[in-house]
Amino acid sequence: MASLTQAQNATKAKALLDEVYKKVTSYNNIYIDFRYSFENAKERIKQDTRGDVTLSGQKYLLNYMGVTKIFDGKKIYTIVPENEEVTIEDTENKDDQMIKPSEMLTFYKKDFSYKWDIVQQVKGRKIQYIELKPTKPASDIKLILLGIDTTTKHIYNLIQVGKNEAKTTITINEFKTNQPLSGNEFLFNESKYKKLGYYINK
């Protein structure tokens, strides 16, 4: 009986995630302002900061902790004003502990099992949590709790717990869709940064 209930919960969780996926992939672009928190009790590390990202398909423009990252669909450009440096990489970093910005709203579609979790009321919004567990044993992720606004079918927050018990929380403060874009958001102007004296690391 318990296994039947678990299967029903997994089916219900997948159905909600499918709705979320259908919704977010229907937009031409998405702008997100978010709060990022990281806590590792063992190492006595606690960070709290904010960032914003513009997404369009696989392309993105991310501003986070004083660094700008641009992915034009082929290369990643990491711009660090503090060091006056730009690093250019061919593909996105495959670090298993980090969810790639381009997959921030869709990462759950593969390599995870689903479980229906608690529901919470947050500022008048009904937030349903889905527990995600990696299906690959080698993953550094223990579990992820994904909070979904049941009315808008938008993601409200993401809580990731690593096998080292470090906890990362991303809370979406602002979610805008189909914004007017200039067309240059995902283009890197190399000559501009060369003129500014930046070191270009290819």
C-alpha atoms as a PDB file:
ATOM      1  CA  MET A   1       0.000   0.000   0.000  1.00  0.00           C
ATOM      2  CA  ALA A   2       2.864   2.357   0.895  1.00  0.00           C
ATOM      3  CA  SER A   3       4.578   1.735  -2.435  1.00  0.00           C
ATOM      4  CA  LEU A   4       1.299   2.504  -4.254  1.00  0.00           C
ATOM      5  CA  THR A   5       0.984   5.807  -2.369  1.00  0.00           C
ATOM      6  CA  GLN A   6       4.613   6.639  -3.193  1.00  0.00           C
ATOM      7  CA  ALA A   7       3.984   5.917  -6.873  1.00  0.00           C
ATOM      8  CA  GLN A   8       0.869   8.130  -6.832  1.00  0.00           C
ATOM      9  CA  ASN A   9       2.824  10.920  -5.112  1.00  0.00           C
ATOM     10  CA  ALA A  10       5.609  10.639  -7.701  1.00  0.00           C
ATOM     11  CA  THR A  11       3.053  10.800 -10.528  1.00  0.00           C
ATOM     12  CA  LYS A  12       1.389  13.851  -8.950  1.00  0.00           C
ATOM     13  CA  ALA A  13       4.778  15.534  -8.493  1.00  0.00           C
ATOM     14  CA  LYS A  14       5.779  14.850 -12.098  1.00  0.00           C
ATOM     15  CA  ALA A  15       2.455  16.227 -13.369  1.00  0.00           C
ATOM     16  CA  LEU A  16       3.019  19.529 -11.522  1.00  0.00           C
ATOM     17  CA  LEU A  17       6.620  19.762 -12.774  1.00  0.00           C
ATOM     18  CA  ASP A  18       5.399  19.111 -16.316  1.00  0.00           C
ATOM     19  CA  GLU A  19       2.997  22.060 -15.935  1.00  0.00           C
ATOM     20  CA  VAL A  20       5.863  24.265 -14.709  1.00  0.00           C
ATOM     21  CA  TYR A  21       8.076  23.174 -17.617  1.00  0.00           C
ATOM     22  CA  LYS A  22       5.326  23.821 -20.172  1.00  0.00           C
ATOM     23  CA  LYS A  23       4.742  27.288 -18.703  1.00  0.00           C
ATOM     24  CA  VAL A  24       8.384  28.453 -18.549  1.00  0.00           C
ATOM     25  CA  THR A  25       9.269  27.130 -22.012  1.00  0.00           C
ATOM     26  CA  SER A  26       6.308  28.997 -23.537  1.00  0.00           C
ATOM     27  CA  TYR A  27       7.924  32.393 -22.853  1.00  0.00           C
ATOM     28  CA  ASN A  28      10.236  34.134 -25.329  1.00  0.00           C
ATOM     29  CA  ASN A  29      12.393  35.319 -22.447  1.00  0.00           C
ATOM     30  CA  ILE A  30      12.377  35.480 -18.664  1.00  0.00           C
ATOM     31  CA  TYR A  31      13.937  38.002 -16.261  1.00  0.00           C
ATOM     32  CA  ILE A  32      14.542  36.874 -12.677  1.00  0.00           C
ATOM     33  CA  ASP A  33      15.772  38.840  -9.673  1.00  0.00           C
ATOM     34  CA  PHE A  34      16.806  36.392  -6.969  1.00  0.00           C
ATOM     35  CA  ARG A  35      18.290  36.063  -3.494  1.00  0.00           C
ATOM     36  CA  TYR A  36      21.065  33.510  -3.047  1.00  0.00           C
ATOM     37  CA  SER A  37      21.979  31.999   0.328  1.00  0.00           C
ATOM     38  CA  PHE A  38      24.706  29.454   1.026  1.00  0.00           C
ATOM     39  CA  GLU A  39      25.363  27.806   4.375  1.00  0.00           C
ATOM     40  CA  ASN A  40      27.950  25.207   5.359  1.00  0.00           C
ATOM     41  CA  ALA A  41      27.807  24.669   9.115  1.00  0.00           C
ATOM     42  CA  LYS A  42      30.864  22.379   9.147  1.00  0.00           C
ATOM     43  CA  GLU A  43      33.046  25.007   7.488  1.00  0.00           C
ATOM     44  CA  ARG A  44      31.279  27.872   9.314  1.00  0.00           C
ATOM     45  CA  ILE A  45      30.473  29.555   6.021  1.00  0.00           C
ATOM     46  CA  LYS A  46      27.377  31.677   5.520  1.00  0.00           C
ATOM     47  CA  GLN A  47      26.775  33.844   2.443  1.00  0.00           C
ATOM     48  CA  ASP A  48      23.758  35.892   1.463  1.00  0.00           C
ATOM     49  CA  THR A  49      23.619  37.923  -1.730  1.00  0.00           C
ATOM     50  CA  ARG A  50      21.393  38.758  -4.684  1.00  0.00           C
ATOM     51  CA  GLY A  51      21.601  38.490  -8.422  1.00  0.00           C
ATOM     52  CA  ASP A  52      19.594  38.684 -11.619  1.00  0.00           C
ATOM     53  CA  VAL A  53      19.436  36.670 -14.812  1.00  0.00           C
ATOM     54  CA  THR A  54      17.815  37.102 -18.222  1.00  0.00           C
ATOM     55  CA  LEU A  55      17.033  33.819 -19.989  1.00  0.00           C
ATOM     56  CA  SER A  56      16.096  33.198 -23.611  1.00  0.00           C
ATOM     57  CA  GLY A  57      16.207  29.565 -24.678  1.00  0.00           C
ATOM     58  CA  GLN A  58      19.677  28.306 -23.730  1.00  0.00           C
ATOM     59  CA  LYS A  59      21.152  31.821 -23.772  1.00  0.00           C
ATOM     60  CA  TYR A  60      21.530  33.854 -20.604  1.00  0.00           C
ATOM     61  CA  LEU A  61      22.914  37.027 -19.056  1.00  0.00           C
ATOM     62  CA  LEU A  62      23.728  36.554 -15.368  1.00  0.00           C
ATOM     63  CA  ASN A  63      24.812  39.225 -12.867  1.00  0.00           C
ATOM     64  CA  TYR A  64      25.912  37.729  -9.574  1.00  0.00           C
ATOM     65  CA  MET A  65      28.450  38.660  -6.859  1.00  0.00           C
ATOM     66  CA  GLY A  66      30.020  41.392  -8.976  1.00  0.00           C
ATOM     67  CA  VAL A  67      30.551  39.063 -11.936  1.00  0.00           C
ATOM     68  CA  THR A  68      28.693  39.053 -15.276  1.00  0.00           C
ATOM     69  CA  LYS A  69      28.285  35.831 -17.251  1.00  0.00           C
ATOM     70  CA  ILE A  70      27.027  35.733 -20.820  1.00  0.00           C
ATOM     71  CA  PHE A  71      26.185  32.526 -22.681  1.00  0.00           C
ATOM     72  CA  ASP A  72      25.485  33.108 -26.374  1.00  0.00           C
ATOM     73  CA  GLY A  73      24.590  29.484 -27.077  1.00  0.00           C
ATOM     74  CA  LYS A  74      28.169  28.517 -27.922  1.00  0.00           C
ATOM     75  CA  LYS A  75      30.585  30.204 -25.537  1.00  0.00           C
ATOM     76  CA  ILE A  76      30.514  31.470 -21.964  1.00  0.00           C
ATOM     77  CA  TYR A  77      32.003  34.887 -21.251  1.00  0.00           C
ATOM     78  CA  THR A  78      32.810  35.540 -17.585  1.00  0.00           C
ATOM     79  CA  ILE A  79      33.472  39.234 -16.958  1.00  0.00           C
ATOM     80  CA  VAL A  80      35.176  40.163 -13.675  1.00  0.00           C
ATOM     81  CA  PRO A  81      35.489  43.985 -13.364  1.00  0.00           C
ATOM     82  CA  GLU A  82      37.404  43.718 -10.066  1.00  0.00           C
ATOM     83  CA  ASN A  83      40.243  41.870 -11.838  1.00  0.00           C
ATOM     84  CA  GLU A  84      39.695  43.564 -15.214  1.00  0.00           C
ATOM     85  CA  GLU A  85      39.560  40.110 -16.754  1.00  0.00           C
ATOM     86  CA  VAL A  86      37.324  38.167 -19.144  1.00  0.00           C
ATOM     87  CA  THR A  87      37.441  34.367 -19.396  1.00  0.00           C
ATOM     88  CA  ILE A  88      36.025  32.729 -22.525  1.00  0.00           C
ATOM     89  CA  GLU A  89      35.035  29.043 -22.410  1.00  0.00           C
ATOM     90  CA  ASP A  90      33.609  26.833 -25.155  1.00  0.00           C
ATOM     91  CA  THR A  91      30.945  25.072 -23.074  1.00  0.00           C
ATOM     92  CA  GLU A  92      29.145  25.418 -19.783  1.00  0.00           C
ATOM     93  CA  ASN A  93      30.925  24.117 -16.699  1.00  0.00           C
ATOM     94  CA  LYS A  94      29.740  20.608 -15.916  1.00  0.00           C
ATOM     95  CA  ASP A  95      30.136  21.050 -12.142  1.00  0.00           C
ATOM     96  CA  ASP A  96      27.561  18.643 -10.688  1.00  0.00           C
ATOM     97  CA  GLN A  97      27.056  20.778  -7.576  1.00  0.00           C
ATOM     98  CA  MET A  98      25.840  23.789  -9.529  1.00  0.00           C
ATOM     99  CA  ILE A  99      22.676  24.130 -11.586  1.00  0.00           C
ATOM    100  CA  LYS A 100      23.535  25.920 -14.828  1.00  0.00           C
ATOM    101  CA  PRO A 101      21.761  29.291 -15.282  1.00  0.00           C
ATOM    102  CA  SER A 102      20.315  28.149 -18.623  1.00  0.00           C
ATOM    103  CA  GLU A 103      18.659  25.218 -16.824  1.00  0.00           C
ATOM    104  CA  MET A 104      17.614  27.136 -13.721  1.00  0.00           C
ATOM    105  CA  LEU A 105      13.906  26.584 -14.423  1.00  0.00           C
ATOM    106  CA  THR A 106      14.099  23.247 -16.274  1.00  0.00           C
ATOM    107  CA  PHE A 107      16.918  21.188 -14.669  1.00  0.00           C
ATOM    108  CA  TYR A 108      14.473  18.756 -13.020  1.00  0.00           C
ATOM    109  CA  LYS A 109      13.445  17.179 -16.342  1.00  0.00           C
ATOM    110  CA  LYS A 110      16.227  14.580 -16.213  1.00  0.00           C
ATOM    111  CA  ASP A 111      18.339  12.636 -13.698  1.00  0.00           C
ATOM    112  CA  PHE A 112      15.956  13.143 -10.751  1.00  0.00           C
ATOM    113  CA  SER A 113      13.259  11.139  -8.980  1.00  0.00           C
ATOM    114  CA  TYR A 114      10.205  13.044  -7.688  1.00  0.00           C
ATOM    115  CA  LYS A 115       8.272  13.069  -4.429  1.00  0.00           C
ATOM    116  CA  TRP A 116       5.271  15.192  -3.350  1.00  0.00           C
ATOM    117  CA  ASP A 117       6.269  17.151  -0.234  1.00  0.00           C
ATOM    118  CA  ILE A 118       4.809  19.795   2.089  1.00  0.00           C
ATOM    119  CA  VAL A 119       2.726  22.833   1.171  1.00  0.00           C
ATOM    120  CA  GLN A 120       3.313  26.265   2.724  1.00  0.00           C
ATOM    121  CA  GLN A 121       1.530  29.610   2.695  1.00  0.00           C
ATOM    122  CA  VAL A 122       4.005  32.397   1.859  1.00  0.00           C
ATOM    123  CA  LYS A 123       2.661  35.964   1.807  1.00  0.00           C
ATOM    124  CA  GLY A 124      -0.743  34.747   0.648  1.00  0.00           C
ATOM    125  CA  ARG A 125       0.725  32.392  -1.951  1.00  0.00           C
ATOM    126  CA  LYS A 126       0.300  28.622  -1.826  1.00  0.00           C
ATOM    127  CA  ILE A 127       3.738  27.055  -2.345  1.00  0.00           C
ATOM    128  CA  GLN A 128       3.838  23.319  -3.042  1.00  0.00           C
ATOM    129  CA  TYR A 129       7.190  21.619  -2.533  1.00  0.00           C
ATOM    130  CA  ILE A 130       8.503  18.756  -4.633  1.00  0.00           C
ATOM    131  CA  GLU A 131      11.454  16.733  -3.344  1.00  0.00           C
ATOM    132  CA  LEU A 132      13.975  15.814  -6.028  1.00  0.00           C
ATOM    133  CA  LYS A 133      16.675  13.194  -5.550  1.00  0.00           C
ATOM    134  CA  PRO A 134      19.461  12.526  -8.079  1.00  0.00           C
ATOM    135  CA  THR A 135      19.233   9.180  -9.853  1.00  0.00           C
ATOM    136  CA  LYS A 136      23.005   9.129 -10.405  1.00  0.00           C
ATOM    137  CA  PRO A 137      24.856   7.769  -7.323  1.00  0.00           C
ATOM    138  CA  ALA A 138      27.947   9.858  -8.120  1.00  0.00           C
ATOM    139  CA  SER A 139      26.018  13.119  -7.723  1.00  0.00           C
ATOM    140  CA  ASP A 140      27.205  15.504  -4.996  1.00  0.00           C
ATOM    141  CA  ILE A 141      23.586  16.548  -4.425  1.00  0.00           C
ATOM    142  CA  LYS A 142      21.667  14.838  -1.605  1.00  0.00           C
ATOM    143  CA  LEU A 143      18.279  16.374  -2.410  1.00  0.00           C
ATOM    144  CA  ILE A 144      16.545  19.453  -3.776  1.00  0.00           C
ATOM    145  CA  LEU A 145      13.276  20.952  -2.564  1.00  0.00           C
ATOM    146  CA  LEU A 146      11.560  22.911  -5.321  1.00  0.00           C
ATOM    147  CA  GLY A 147       8.851  25.345  -4.199  1.00  0.00           C
ATOM    148  CA  ILE A 148       6.171  26.003  -6.823  1.00  0.00           C
ATOM    149  CA  ASP A 149       3.451  28.661  -6.751  1.00  0.00           C
ATOM    150  CA  THR A 150       0.340  26.567  -7.420  1.00  0.00           C
ATOM    151  CA  THR A 151      -1.519  29.502  -9.007  1.00  0.00           C
ATOM    152  CA  THR A 152       1.092  30.834 -11.456  1.00  0.00           C
ATOM    153  CA  LYS A 153       2.976  27.513 -11.883  1.00  0.00           C
ATOM    154  CA  HIS A 154       6.197  29.503 -11.463  1.00  0.00           C
ATOM    155  CA  ILE A 155       9.100  28.389  -9.276  1.00  0.00           C
ATOM    156  CA  TYR A 156       9.229  30.354  -6.001  1.00  0.00           C
ATOM    157  CA  ASN A 157      12.393  28.909  -4.502  1.00  0.00           C
ATOM    158  CA  LEU A 158      14.920  26.109  -4.638  1.00  0.00           C
ATOM    159  CA  ILE A 159      16.655  24.533  -1.640  1.00  0.00           C
ATOM    160  CA  GLN A 160      19.607  22.301  -2.493  1.00  0.00           C
ATOM    161  CA  VAL A 161      21.314  20.118   0.127  1.00  0.00           C
ATOM    162  CA  GLY A 162      24.667  18.582  -0.721  1.00  0.00           C
ATOM    163  CA  LYS A 163      26.023  15.280   0.541  1.00  0.00           C
ATOM    164  CA  ASN A 164      28.375  17.409   2.654  1.00  0.00           C
ATOM    165  CA  GLU A 165      25.193  18.961   4.187  1.00  0.00           C
ATOM    166  CA  ALA A 166      25.945  22.381   2.673  1.00  0.00           C
ATOM    167  CA  LYS A 167      22.671  24.157   1.882  1.00  0.00           C
ATOM    168  CA  THR A 168      22.029  26.505  -1.040  1.00  0.00           C
ATOM    169  CA  THR A 169      18.755  28.450  -1.246  1.00  0.00           C
ATOM    170  CA  ILE A 170      17.660  30.489  -4.259  1.00  0.00           C
ATOM    171  CA  THR A 171      14.508  32.565  -3.748  1.00  0.00           C
ATOM    172  CA  ILE A 172      12.919  34.360  -6.693  1.00  0.00           C
ATOM    173  CA  ASN A 173      12.005  37.945  -5.749  1.00  0.00           C
ATOM    174  CA  GLU A 174      10.869  39.106  -9.188  1.00  0.00           C
ATOM    175  CA  PHE A 175       9.774  37.112 -12.241  1.00  0.00           C
ATOM    176  CA  LYS A 176       9.079  38.951 -15.508  1.00  0.00           C
ATOM    177  CA  THR A 177       8.321  37.397 -18.873  1.00  0.00           C
ATOM    178  CA  ASN A 178       8.508  38.418 -22.535  1.00  0.00           C
ATOM    179  CA  GLN A 179      10.434  41.626 -21.855  1.00  0.00           C
ATOM    180  CA  PRO A 180      11.506  43.865 -24.774  1.00  0.00           C
ATOM    181  CA  LEU A 181      15.145  42.964 -25.508  1.00  0.00           C
ATOM    182  CA  SER A 182      17.569  44.976 -27.640  1.00  0.00           C
ATOM    183  CA  GLY A 183      19.107  41.879 -29.209  1.00  0.00           C
ATOM    184  CA  ASN A 184      22.555  42.625 -27.774  1.00  0.00           C
ATOM    185  CA  GLU A 185      21.980  41.132 -24.319  1.00  0.00           C
ATOM    186  CA  PHE A 186      23.714  37.861 -25.153  1.00  0.00           C
ATOM    187  CA  LEU A 187      26.495  39.292 -27.325  1.00  0.00           C
ATOM    188  CA  PHE A 188      30.013  39.821 -25.984  1.00  0.00           C
ATOM    189  CA  ASN A 189      31.763  42.949 -27.268  1.00  0.00           C
ATOM    190  CA  GLU A 190      35.424  41.901 -27.136  1.00  0.00           C
ATOM    191  CA  SER A 191      36.789  45.156 -28.591  1.00  0.00           C
ATOM    192  CA  LYS A 192      35.021  47.147 -25.857  1.00  0.00           C
ATOM    193  CA  TYR A 193      36.805  45.247 -23.084  1.00  0.00           C
ATOM    194  CA  LYS A 194      40.158  45.317 -24.894  1.00  0.00           C
ATOM    195  CA  LYS A 195      39.897  49.113 -25.064  1.00  0.00           C
ATOM    196  CA  LEU A 196      39.188  49.149 -21.330  1.00  0.00           C
ATOM    197  CA  GLY A 197      42.426  47.230 -20.771  1.00  0.00           C
ATOM    198  CA  TYR A 198      40.828  43.949 -19.700  1.00  0.00           C
ATOM    199  CA  TYR A 199      42.861  40.760 -19.995  1.00  0.00           C
ATOM    200  CA  ILE A 200      41.020  38.342 -22.328  1.00  0.00           C
ATOM    201  CA  ASN A 201      41.667  34.751 -21.257  1.00  0.00           C
ATOM    202  CA  LYS A 202      40.646  32.325 -24.042  1.00  0.00           C
END
